[in-house]
C-alpha atoms as a PDB file:
ATOM      1  CA  MET A   1     -57.145 -96.013 152.455  1.00  0.00           C
ATOM      2  CA  LEU A   2     -56.194 -97.241 149.039  1.00  0.00           C
ATOM      3  CA  SER A   3     -56.472 -95.243 145.843  1.00  0.00           C
ATOM      4  CA  GLY A   4     -56.733 -96.362 142.252  1.00  0.00           C
ATOM      5  CA  CYS A   5     -54.478 -95.846 139.273  1.00  0.00           C
ATOM      6  CA  SER A   6     -55.146 -93.523 136.370  1.00  0.00           C
ATOM      7  CA  GLY A   7     -55.135 -96.498 134.021  1.00  0.00           C
ATOM      8  CA  ASN A   8     -57.896 -98.238 135.922  1.00  0.00           C
ATOM      9  CA  ILE A   9     -60.504 -98.221 133.093  1.00  0.00           C
ATOM     10  CA  ASP A  10     -60.882-101.013 130.531  1.00  0.00           C
ATOM     11  CA  LYS A  11     -63.480-100.970 127.732  1.00  0.00           C
ATOM     12  CA  VAL A  12     -64.638-104.564 127.801  1.00  0.00           C
ATOM     13  CA  THR A  13     -68.445-104.552 128.077  1.00  0.00           C
ATOM     14  CA  GLN A  14     -69.976-104.520 124.596  1.00  0.00           C
ATOM     15  CA  THR A  15     -73.647-104.027 123.682  1.00  0.00           C
ATOM     16  CA  ALA A  16     -74.990-104.504 120.166  1.00  0.00           C
ATOM     17  CA  THR A  17     -77.903-102.423 118.892  1.00  0.00           C
ATOM     18  CA  ALA A  18     -80.050-103.267 115.886  1.00  0.00           C
ATOM     19  CA  ASP A  19     -82.258-101.445 113.406  1.00  0.00           C
ATOM     20  CA  THR A  20     -85.936-102.267 112.765  1.00  0.00           C
ATOM     21  CA  ASN A  21     -84.962-105.051 110.369  1.00  0.00           C
ATOM     22  CA  GLY A  22     -82.946-106.791 113.037  1.00  0.00           C
ATOM     23  CA  GLN A  23     -79.597-105.932 111.452  1.00  0.00           C
ATOM     24  CA  THR A  24     -76.807-105.046 113.852  1.00  0.00           C
ATOM     25  CA  VAL A  25     -75.794-101.457 113.221  1.00  0.00           C
ATOM     26  CA  ALA A  26     -73.567-100.515 116.133  1.00  0.00           C
ATOM     27  CA  VAL A  27     -71.590-101.964 119.003  1.00  0.00           C
ATOM     28  CA  THR A  28     -71.143 -99.720 122.009  1.00  0.00           C
ATOM     29  CA  GLN A  29     -68.439-100.231 124.589  1.00  0.00           C
ATOM     30  CA  THR A  30     -69.049 -99.531 128.271  1.00  0.00           C
ATOM     31  CA  PRO A  31     -65.969 -98.632 130.349  1.00  0.00           C
ATOM     32  CA  VAL A  32     -65.226-100.947 133.255  1.00  0.00           C
ATOM     33  CA  ILE A  33     -63.650 -99.659 136.467  1.00  0.00           C
ATOM     34  CA  ASN A  34     -61.596-102.065 138.562  1.00  0.00           C
ATOM     35  CA  SER A  35     -63.086-101.568 142.017  1.00  0.00           C
ATOM     36  CA  ARG A  36     -60.773-104.224 143.461  1.00  0.00           C
ATOM     37  CA  VAL A  37     -58.062-101.593 143.964  1.00  0.00           C
ATOM     38  CA  PHE A  38     -59.975-100.220 146.960  1.00  0.00           C
ATOM     39  CA  ILE A  39     -59.902-103.365 149.106  1.00  0.00           C
ATOM     40  CA  SER A  40     -57.945-106.609 149.009  1.00  0.00           C
ATOM     41  CA  GLU A  41     -59.786-109.875 148.531  1.00  0.00           C
ATOM     42  CA  SER A  42     -58.702-111.045 151.976  1.00  0.00           C
ATOM     43  CA  GLU A  43     -60.006-107.831 153.579  1.00  0.00           C
ATOM     44  CA  LEU A  44     -63.331-108.205 151.783  1.00  0.00           C
ATOM     45  CA  ASN A  45     -63.671-111.858 152.762  1.00  0.00           C
ATOM     46  CA  GLN A  46     -62.855-111.048 156.374  1.00  0.00           C
ATOM     47  CA  ALA A  47     -65.450-108.254 156.419  1.00  0.00           C
ATOM     48  CA  ILE A  48     -68.100-110.604 155.047  1.00  0.00           C
ATOM     49  CA  ALA A  49     -67.135-113.326 157.532  1.00  0.00           C
ATOM     50  CA  GLU A  50     -67.659-110.887 160.410  1.00  0.00           C
ATOM     51  CA  ALA A  51     -71.113-109.848 159.157  1.00  0.00           C
ATOM     52  CA  ASN A  52     -74.371-111.788 159.151  1.00  0.00           C
ATOM     53  CA  THR A  53     -77.310-111.670 156.759  1.00  0.00           C
ATOM     54  CA  SER A  54     -80.142-111.027 159.187  1.00  0.00           C
ATOM     55  CA  ALA A  55     -82.853-108.989 157.458  1.00  0.00           C
ATOM     56  CA  SER A  56     -83.829-105.512 158.575  1.00  0.00           C
ATOM     57  CA  LYS A  57     -87.102-105.065 160.458  1.00  0.00           C
ATOM     58  CA  GLN A  58     -88.636-103.080 157.581  1.00  0.00           C
ATOM     59  CA  PRO A  59     -87.738-102.437 153.944  1.00  0.00           C
ATOM     60  CA  ILE A  60     -84.752-100.089 154.019  1.00  0.00           C
ATOM     61  CA  LYS A  61     -84.984 -96.833 152.068  1.00  0.00           C
ATOM     62  CA  MET A  62     -81.574 -95.358 152.927  1.00  0.00           C
ATOM     63  CA  LEU A  63     -78.364 -96.594 154.551  1.00  0.00           C
ATOM     64  CA  VAL A  64     -75.275 -94.837 155.892  1.00  0.00           C
ATOM     65  CA  VAL A  65     -72.058 -96.876 155.810  1.00  0.00           C
ATOM     66  CA  PRO A  66     -68.338 -96.025 156.128  1.00  0.00           C
ATOM     67  CA  HIS A  67     -65.920 -96.123 153.177  1.00  0.00           C
ATOM     68  CA  HIS A  68     -62.729 -96.623 155.176  1.00  0.00           C
ATOM     69  CA  THR A  69     -61.229-100.077 154.529  1.00  0.00           C
ATOM     70  CA  VAL A  70     -60.636-100.482 158.278  1.00  0.00           C
ATOM     71  CA  ALA A  71     -64.408-100.365 158.782  1.00  0.00           C
ATOM     72  CA  ALA A  72     -65.384-102.663 155.889  1.00  0.00           C
ATOM     73  CA  ALA A  73     -66.994-105.134 158.289  1.00  0.00           C
ATOM     74  CA  LEU A  74     -69.352-102.414 159.541  1.00  0.00           C
ATOM     75  CA  SER A  75     -70.353-101.611 155.950  1.00  0.00           C
ATOM     76  CA  ALA A  76     -70.808-105.283 155.147  1.00  0.00           C
ATOM     77  CA  GLN A  77     -73.009-105.804 158.199  1.00  0.00           C
ATOM     78  CA  ALA A  78     -75.313-102.944 157.207  1.00  0.00           C
ATOM     79  CA  ILE A  79     -75.486-103.909 153.523  1.00  0.00           C
ATOM     80  CA  ALA A  80     -76.139-107.539 154.465  1.00  0.00           C
ATOM     81  CA  GLY A  81     -79.500-106.339 155.795  1.00  0.00           C
ATOM     82  CA  LEU A  82     -80.582-105.770 152.184  1.00  0.00           C
ATOM     83  CA  VAL A  83     -80.178-109.401 151.075  1.00  0.00           C
ATOM     84  CA  GLU A  84     -83.787-110.438 151.684  1.00  0.00           C
ATOM     85  CA  GLN A  85     -85.068-107.143 150.268  1.00  0.00           C
ATOM     86  CA  GLN A  86     -82.996-107.524 147.036  1.00  0.00           C
ATOM     87  CA  PRO A  87     -83.331-103.976 145.664  1.00  0.00           C
ATOM     88  CA  GLN A  88     -82.943-103.747 141.906  1.00  0.00           C
ATOM     89  CA  LYS A  89     -81.241-100.354 142.043  1.00  0.00           C
ATOM     90  CA  VAL A  90     -78.680 -99.067 144.557  1.00  0.00           C
ATOM     91  CA  ILE A  91     -77.700 -95.403 144.500  1.00  0.00           C
ATOM     92  CA  ILE A  92     -74.221 -95.034 146.010  1.00  0.00           C
ATOM     93  CA  ILE A  93     -73.607 -91.420 146.977  1.00  0.00           C
ATOM     94  CA  GLY A  94     -70.396 -90.242 148.593  1.00  0.00           C
ATOM     95  CA  PRO A  95     -67.894 -87.403 148.821  1.00  0.00           C
ATOM     96  CA  ASN A  96     -65.496 -86.462 146.057  1.00  0.00           C
ATOM     97  CA  HIS A  97     -62.427 -86.407 148.298  1.00  0.00           C
ATOM     98  CA  SER A  98     -60.258 -84.602 145.767  1.00  0.00           C
ATOM     99  CA  ASN A  99     -62.832 -81.806 145.285  1.00  0.00           C
ATOM    100  CA  ARG A 100     -61.706 -81.656 141.655  1.00  0.00           C
ATOM    101  CA  GLY A 101     -63.781 -81.771 138.502  1.00  0.00           C
ATOM    102  CA  PRO A 102     -67.545 -81.219 138.429  1.00  0.00           C
ATOM    103  CA  GLU A 103     -69.342 -80.407 141.667  1.00  0.00           C
ATOM    104  CA  ALA A 104     -71.500 -83.501 141.075  1.00  0.00           C
ATOM    105  CA  SER A 105     -69.999 -86.405 139.126  1.00  0.00           C
ATOM    106  CA  THR A 106     -71.205 -89.751 137.833  1.00  0.00           C
ATOM    107  CA  THR A 107     -70.092 -92.436 135.403  1.00  0.00           C
ATOM    108  CA  LYS A 108     -71.728 -94.966 133.113  1.00  0.00           C
ATOM    109  CA  ALA A 109     -68.867 -97.402 133.694  1.00  0.00           C
ATOM    110  CA  ASP A 110     -69.534-100.875 135.051  1.00  0.00           C
ATOM    111  CA  TRP A 111     -67.459-102.218 137.956  1.00  0.00           C
ATOM    112  CA  GLN A 112     -65.160-105.236 138.019  1.00  0.00           C
ATOM    113  CA  THR A 113     -65.420-106.690 141.526  1.00  0.00           C
ATOM    114  CA  TYR A 114     -64.206-109.854 143.241  1.00  0.00           C
ATOM    115  CA  ASN A 115     -67.735-111.206 142.734  1.00  0.00           C
ATOM    116  CA  GLY A 116     -68.026-110.482 139.028  1.00  0.00           C
ATOM    117  CA  LEU A 117     -69.174-107.535 136.970  1.00  0.00           C
ATOM    118  CA  LEU A 118     -71.463-105.136 138.820  1.00  0.00           C
ATOM    119  CA  LYS A 119     -73.558-103.216 136.313  1.00  0.00           C
ATOM    120  CA  THR A 120     -74.335 -99.508 136.408  1.00  0.00           C
ATOM    121  CA  ASP A 121     -77.948 -98.498 135.730  1.00  0.00           C
ATOM    122  CA  GLN A 122     -77.499 -96.729 132.397  1.00  0.00           C
ATOM    123  CA  ALA A 123     -81.030 -95.272 132.331  1.00  0.00           C
ATOM    124  CA  ALA A 124     -80.687 -93.754 135.801  1.00  0.00           C
ATOM    125  CA  VAL A 125     -77.301 -92.224 135.020  1.00  0.00           C
ATOM    126  CA  SER A 126     -78.663 -90.829 131.746  1.00  0.00           C
ATOM    127  CA  ALA A 127     -81.574 -89.277 133.663  1.00  0.00           C
ATOM    128  CA  MET A 128     -79.178 -87.591 136.101  1.00  0.00           C
ATOM    129  CA  LEU A 129     -77.041 -86.255 133.261  1.00  0.00           C
ATOM    130  CA  ALA A 130     -80.093 -84.960 131.402  1.00  0.00           C
ATOM    131  CA  GLY A 131     -81.074 -82.933 134.473  1.00  0.00           C
ATOM    132  CA  GLY A 132     -77.962 -80.808 133.973  1.00  0.00           C
ATOM    133  CA  LEU A 133     -76.654 -80.773 137.547  1.00  0.00           C
ATOM    134  CA  VAL A 134     -74.440 -83.850 137.146  1.00  0.00           C
ATOM    135  CA  LYS A 135     -71.488 -84.317 134.776  1.00  0.00           C
ATOM    136  CA  LYS A 136     -69.820 -87.514 133.570  1.00  0.00           C
ATOM    137  CA  ASN A 137     -66.310 -87.953 134.966  1.00  0.00           C
ATOM    138  CA  ASN A 138     -65.041 -91.494 134.486  1.00  0.00           C
ATOM    139  CA  GLU A 139     -61.526 -90.739 135.682  1.00  0.00           C
ATOM    140  CA  LEU A 140     -62.652 -89.569 139.124  1.00  0.00           C
ATOM    141  CA  PHE A 141     -64.156 -92.948 139.980  1.00  0.00           C
ATOM    142  CA  THR A 142     -60.943 -94.869 139.313  1.00  0.00           C
ATOM    143  CA  SER A 143     -59.546 -93.359 142.515  1.00  0.00           C
ATOM    144  CA  GLU A 144     -62.644 -92.357 144.545  1.00  0.00           C
ATOM    145  CA  HIS A 145     -62.899 -94.959 147.287  1.00  0.00           C
ATOM    146  CA  SER A 146     -66.183 -93.609 148.675  1.00  0.00           C
ATOM    147  CA  ILE A 147     -67.895 -95.255 145.695  1.00  0.00           C
ATOM    148  CA  GLY A 148     -65.520 -98.039 144.640  1.00  0.00           C
ATOM    149  CA  LEU A 149     -65.169 -99.735 148.014  1.00  0.00           C
ATOM    150  CA  ILE A 150     -68.930 -99.833 148.531  1.00  0.00           C
ATOM    151  CA  ALA A 151     -69.447-101.180 144.999  1.00  0.00           C
ATOM    152  CA  ASP A 152     -67.353-104.232 145.872  1.00  0.00           C
ATOM    153  CA  ILE A 153     -69.363-104.902 149.042  1.00  0.00           C
ATOM    154  CA  VAL A 154     -72.670-104.411 147.205  1.00  0.00           C
ATOM    155  CA  ALA A 155     -71.551-106.944 144.567  1.00  0.00           C
ATOM    156  CA  ALA A 156     -70.906-109.516 147.303  1.00  0.00           C
ATOM    157  CA  TYR A 157     -74.467-109.288 148.642  1.00  0.00           C
ATOM    158  CA  LEU A 158     -76.554-107.976 145.735  1.00  0.00           C
ATOM    159  CA  PRO A 159     -74.886-109.262 142.550  1.00  0.00           C
ATOM    160  CA  GLU A 160     -78.026-108.780 140.452  1.00  0.00           C
ATOM    161  CA  ALA A 161     -78.533-105.146 141.483  1.00  0.00           C
ATOM    162  CA  GLN A 162     -77.477-102.228 139.326  1.00  0.00           C
ATOM    163  CA  ILE A 163     -75.803 -99.227 140.908  1.00  0.00           C
ATOM    164  CA  VAL A 164     -76.013 -95.496 140.340  1.00  0.00           C
ATOM    165  CA  PRO A 165     -72.734 -93.780 141.357  1.00  0.00           C
ATOM    166  CA  LEU A 166     -72.760 -90.159 142.491  1.00  0.00           C
ATOM    167  CA  ALA A 167     -69.786 -88.279 143.978  1.00  0.00           C
ATOM    168  CA  LEU A 168     -70.271 -84.763 145.349  1.00  0.00           C
ATOM    169  CA  GLN A 169     -67.789 -82.062 146.265  1.00  0.00           C
ATOM    170  CA  HIS A 170     -67.687 -80.950 149.894  1.00  0.00           C
ATOM    171  CA  GLY A 171     -70.622 -78.779 150.910  1.00  0.00           C
ATOM    172  CA  TYR A 172     -72.721 -79.567 147.848  1.00  0.00           C
ATOM    173  CA  ASP A 173     -76.162 -77.990 148.244  1.00  0.00           C
ATOM    174  CA  ILE A 174     -78.795 -80.320 149.731  1.00  0.00           C
ATOM    175  CA  ASN A 175     -81.509 -78.901 147.479  1.00  0.00           C
ATOM    176  CA  ASN A 176     -79.444 -79.845 144.449  1.00  0.00           C
ATOM    177  CA  ILE A 177     -78.960 -83.348 145.877  1.00  0.00           C
ATOM    178  CA  ALA A 178     -82.739 -83.662 146.071  1.00  0.00           C
ATOM    179  CA  ALA A 179     -83.146 -82.372 142.511  1.00  0.00           C
ATOM    180  CA  ILE A 180     -80.608 -84.901 141.213  1.00  0.00           C
ATOM    181  CA  LEU A 181     -82.097 -87.899 142.977  1.00  0.00           C
ATOM    182  CA  ASP A 182     -85.637 -86.896 142.008  1.00  0.00           C
ATOM    183  CA  THR A 183     -84.692 -87.675 138.387  1.00  0.00           C
ATOM    184  CA  ILE A 184     -84.267 -91.375 139.268  1.00  0.00           C
ATOM    185  CA  ASP A 185     -87.125 -93.884 139.357  1.00  0.00           C
ATOM    186  CA  ALA A 186     -87.350 -94.773 143.043  1.00  0.00           C
ATOM    187  CA  ASP A 187     -89.147 -98.105 142.506  1.00  0.00           C
ATOM    188  CA  ASN A 188     -87.301-100.930 144.319  1.00  0.00           C
ATOM    189  CA  CYS A 189     -84.407 -98.573 144.985  1.00  0.00           C
ATOM    190  CA  VAL A 190     -82.137 -98.032 148.020  1.00  0.00           C
ATOM    191  CA  ILE A 191     -79.778 -95.137 148.687  1.00  0.00           C
ATOM    192  CA  ILE A 192     -76.456 -96.034 150.289  1.00  0.00           C
ATOM    193  CA  ALA A 193     -74.673 -92.929 151.585  1.00  0.00           C
ATOM    194  CA  SER A 194     -70.961 -93.615 151.899  1.00  0.00           C
ATOM    195  CA  ILE A 195     -69.833 -91.392 154.778  1.00  0.00           C
ATOM    196  CA  ASP A 196     -67.042 -91.359 157.348  1.00  0.00           C
ATOM    197  CA  PHE A 197     -67.420 -89.200 160.409  1.00  0.00           C
ATOM    198  CA  SER A 198     -64.849 -87.596 162.748  1.00  0.00           C
ATOM    199  CA  HIS A 199     -61.378 -87.167 161.193  1.00  0.00           C
ATOM    200  CA  ASN A 200     -57.904 -86.469 162.581  1.00  0.00           C
ATOM    201  CA  LEU A 201     -58.738 -86.258 166.258  1.00  0.00           C
ATOM    202  CA  THR A 202     -57.559 -88.386 169.161  1.00  0.00           C
ATOM    203  CA  GLN A 203     -59.865 -91.250 170.033  1.00  0.00           C
ATOM    204  CA  ASP A 204     -61.225 -89.480 173.121  1.00  0.00           C
ATOM    205  CA  LYS A 205     -61.997 -86.283 171.196  1.00  0.00           C
ATOM    206  CA  ALA A 206     -63.487 -88.210 168.279  1.00  0.00           C
ATOM    207  CA  GLU A 207     -65.808 -90.030 170.646  1.00  0.00           C
ATOM    208  CA  GLN A 208     -66.887 -86.688 172.118  1.00  0.00           C
ATOM    209  CA  LYS A 209     -67.716 -85.429 168.620  1.00  0.00           C
ATOM    210  CA  ASP A 210     -69.590 -88.655 167.894  1.00  0.00           C
ATOM    211  CA  LYS A 211     -71.655 -88.161 171.041  1.00  0.00           C
ATOM    212  CA  GLN A 212     -72.658 -84.730 169.759  1.00  0.00           C
ATOM    213  CA  MET A 213     -73.303 -86.151 166.300  1.00  0.00           C
ATOM    214  CA  ARG A 214     -75.576 -88.828 167.726  1.00  0.00           C
ATOM    215  CA  SER A 215     -77.610 -86.092 169.398  1.00  0.00           C
ATOM    216  CA  PHE A 216     -77.889 -84.148 166.121  1.00  0.00           C
ATOM    217  CA  LEU A 217     -78.970 -87.309 164.304  1.00  0.00           C
ATOM    218  CA  GLU A 218     -81.558 -88.312 166.866  1.00  0.00           C
ATOM    219  CA  GLN A 219     -82.998 -84.784 166.848  1.00  0.00           C
ATOM    220  CA  GLY A 220     -83.083 -84.772 163.033  1.00  0.00           C
ATOM    221  CA  ASN A 221     -81.094 -81.536 163.120  1.00  0.00           C
ATOM    222  CA  TYR A 222     -80.054 -81.487 159.474  1.00  0.00           C
ATOM    223  CA  GLN A 223     -79.434 -77.713 159.374  1.00  0.00           C
ATOM    224  CA  THR A 224     -76.681 -78.014 161.997  1.00  0.00           C
ATOM    225  CA  ILE A 225     -75.140 -81.090 160.389  1.00  0.00           C
ATOM    226  CA  ALA A 226     -75.006 -79.405 156.966  1.00  0.00           C
ATOM    227  CA  ASP A 227     -72.548 -76.811 158.334  1.00  0.00           C
ATOM    228  CA  LEU A 228     -70.218 -79.137 160.253  1.00  0.00           C
ATOM    229  CA  GLY A 229     -66.530 -79.582 159.475  1.00  0.00           C
ATOM    230  CA  SER A 230     -64.344 -82.660 159.101  1.00  0.00           C
ATOM    231  CA  GLU A 231     -63.871 -82.957 162.854  1.00  0.00           C
ATOM    232  CA  TYR A 232     -67.449 -84.283 162.776  1.00  0.00           C
ATOM    233  CA  ILE A 233     -68.105 -85.689 159.288  1.00  0.00           C
ATOM    234  CA  ASP A 234     -66.658 -85.761 155.760  1.00  0.00           C
ATOM    235  CA  ALA A 235     -69.944 -85.349 153.841  1.00  0.00           C
ATOM    236  CA  PRO A 236     -72.144 -83.065 155.945  1.00  0.00           C
ATOM    237  CA  THR A 237     -74.652 -82.073 153.273  1.00  0.00           C
ATOM    238  CA  ILE A 238     -75.202 -85.675 152.166  1.00  0.00           C
ATOM    239  CA  MET A 239     -76.057 -86.616 155.754  1.00  0.00           C
ATOM    240  CA  ALA A 240     -78.240 -83.520 156.032  1.00  0.00           C
ATOM    241  CA  TYR A 241     -80.092 -84.523 152.853  1.00  0.00           C
ATOM    242  CA  LEU A 242     -80.844 -87.967 154.320  1.00  0.00           C
ATOM    243  CA  LEU A 243     -82.204 -86.505 157.546  1.00  0.00           C
ATOM    244  CA  LYS A 244     -84.332 -83.957 155.709  1.00  0.00           C
ATOM    245  CA  THR A 245     -85.682 -86.668 153.402  1.00  0.00           C
ATOM    246  CA  ALA A 246     -86.411 -88.937 156.352  1.00  0.00           C
ATOM    247  CA  HIS A 247     -88.430 -86.141 157.945  1.00  0.00           C
ATOM    248  CA  GLN A 248     -90.343 -85.432 154.731  1.00  0.00           C
ATOM    249  CA  GLN A 249     -91.120 -89.107 154.117  1.00  0.00           C
ATOM    250  CA  GLN A 250     -91.763 -89.900 157.804  1.00  0.00           C
ATOM    251  CA  LEU A 251     -89.075 -92.565 157.897  1.00  0.00           C
ATOM    252  CA  LYS A 252     -87.758 -94.093 161.091  1.00  0.00           C
ATOM    253  CA  MET A 253     -84.025 -94.130 161.848  1.00  0.00           C
ATOM    254  CA  ASP A 254     -81.916 -96.724 163.651  1.00  0.00           C
ATOM    255  CA  ILE A 255     -78.255 -96.171 164.499  1.00  0.00           C
ATOM    256  CA  LEU A 256     -76.885 -99.678 164.029  1.00  0.00           C
ATOM    257  CA  ASP A 257     -73.296 -99.115 165.154  1.00  0.00           C
ATOM    258  CA  ASN A 258     -70.746 -96.447 166.050  1.00  0.00           C
ATOM    259  CA  SER A 259     -67.027 -97.094 166.251  1.00  0.00           C
ATOM    260  CA  ASN A 260     -63.667 -95.671 165.194  1.00  0.00           C
ATOM    261  CA  SER A 261     -60.363 -96.836 163.770  1.00  0.00           C
ATOM    262  CA  GLY A 262     -58.757 -96.582 167.215  1.00  0.00           C
ATOM    263  CA  ARG A 263     -61.127 -99.177 168.633  1.00  0.00           C
ATOM    264  CA  LEU A 264     -60.913-101.414 165.575  1.00  0.00           C
ATOM    265  CA  LEU A 265     -57.114-101.298 165.299  1.00  0.00           C
ATOM    266  CA  GLY A 266     -56.356-101.107 169.007  1.00  0.00           C
ATOM    267  CA  ASN A 267     -54.439 -97.817 168.951  1.00  0.00           C
ATOM    268  CA  SER A 268     -55.120 -94.310 170.218  1.00  0.00           C
ATOM    269  CA  GLU A 269     -53.498 -92.243 167.479  1.00  0.00           C
ATOM    270  CA  LEU A 270     -55.519 -89.839 165.322  1.00  0.00           C
ATOM    271  CA  VAL A 271     -58.627 -91.725 164.273  1.00  0.00           C
ATOM    272  CA  THR A 272     -61.541 -91.792 161.856  1.00  0.00           C
ATOM    273  CA  SER A 273     -64.956 -92.571 163.294  1.00  0.00           C
ATOM    274  CA  TYR A 274     -67.924 -94.389 161.765  1.00  0.00           C
ATOM    275  CA  PHE A 275     -71.686 -94.700 162.063  1.00  0.00           C
ATOM    276  CA  THR A 276     -73.903 -97.213 160.323  1.00  0.00           C
ATOM    277  CA  ILE A 277     -77.498 -96.008 160.101  1.00  0.00           C
ATOM    278  CA  GLU A 278     -80.645 -97.263 158.429  1.00  0.00           C
ATOM    279  CA  PHE A 279     -83.807 -95.410 157.499  1.00  0.00           C
ATOM    280  CA  TYR A 280     -86.984 -97.370 156.904  1.00  0.00           C
END
């Protein structure tokens, strides 16, 4: 997995504001994060080439996709299902791998991708910040691949959408996740949860954990998932929040794919595993 550089923010997006007489009184600058550090252009193009743009059966409310570059084609395939739907707002929620800074972080920065500038929904981010549970932390997102990698794939398929980035420390409370996301206007909005699953096990053991995880998912057992460790999943409470929300909103769930880096790379060393899941 690639990480960004500390100098990965450029202030290039400018917005002029005017008074009631139409006179320009201020120019604000929006930081821009270079999301291209998380995946090479050739890797992104290959991922897109391996995906298709067949629409989902129903309008998607929530998606789970991996953030490991190895699995970019799986993410692209799942996100491609949103092309016909064309959501205006995409909430990208993932783990803060460093576990540093605020427990819940966001940014108002826009994102420079291989497919142009992907805008952040300023109103939605402001609403999250006003709720008090989320803090602005631009620097985190220059190196947090759980958000940046997915931003580049979203830009390839949904260039007109605006994103809402949210990175959470490990074990962040699911009730607080709900409180944060309840501040955002859900009209024409999709949540993409950026989650990898089993970590640092042999392929055989990872596949055993994935078999158990599939059972937890199909049973909607969010309480169990919320307490799992990295041998199962890297963002347990985010996954638990999705399952609890799906139950509350009576959403259906489809597991689209399940694989691991051992299968994708053709080796049996310690692997990371992946699920792609849609809720509709």
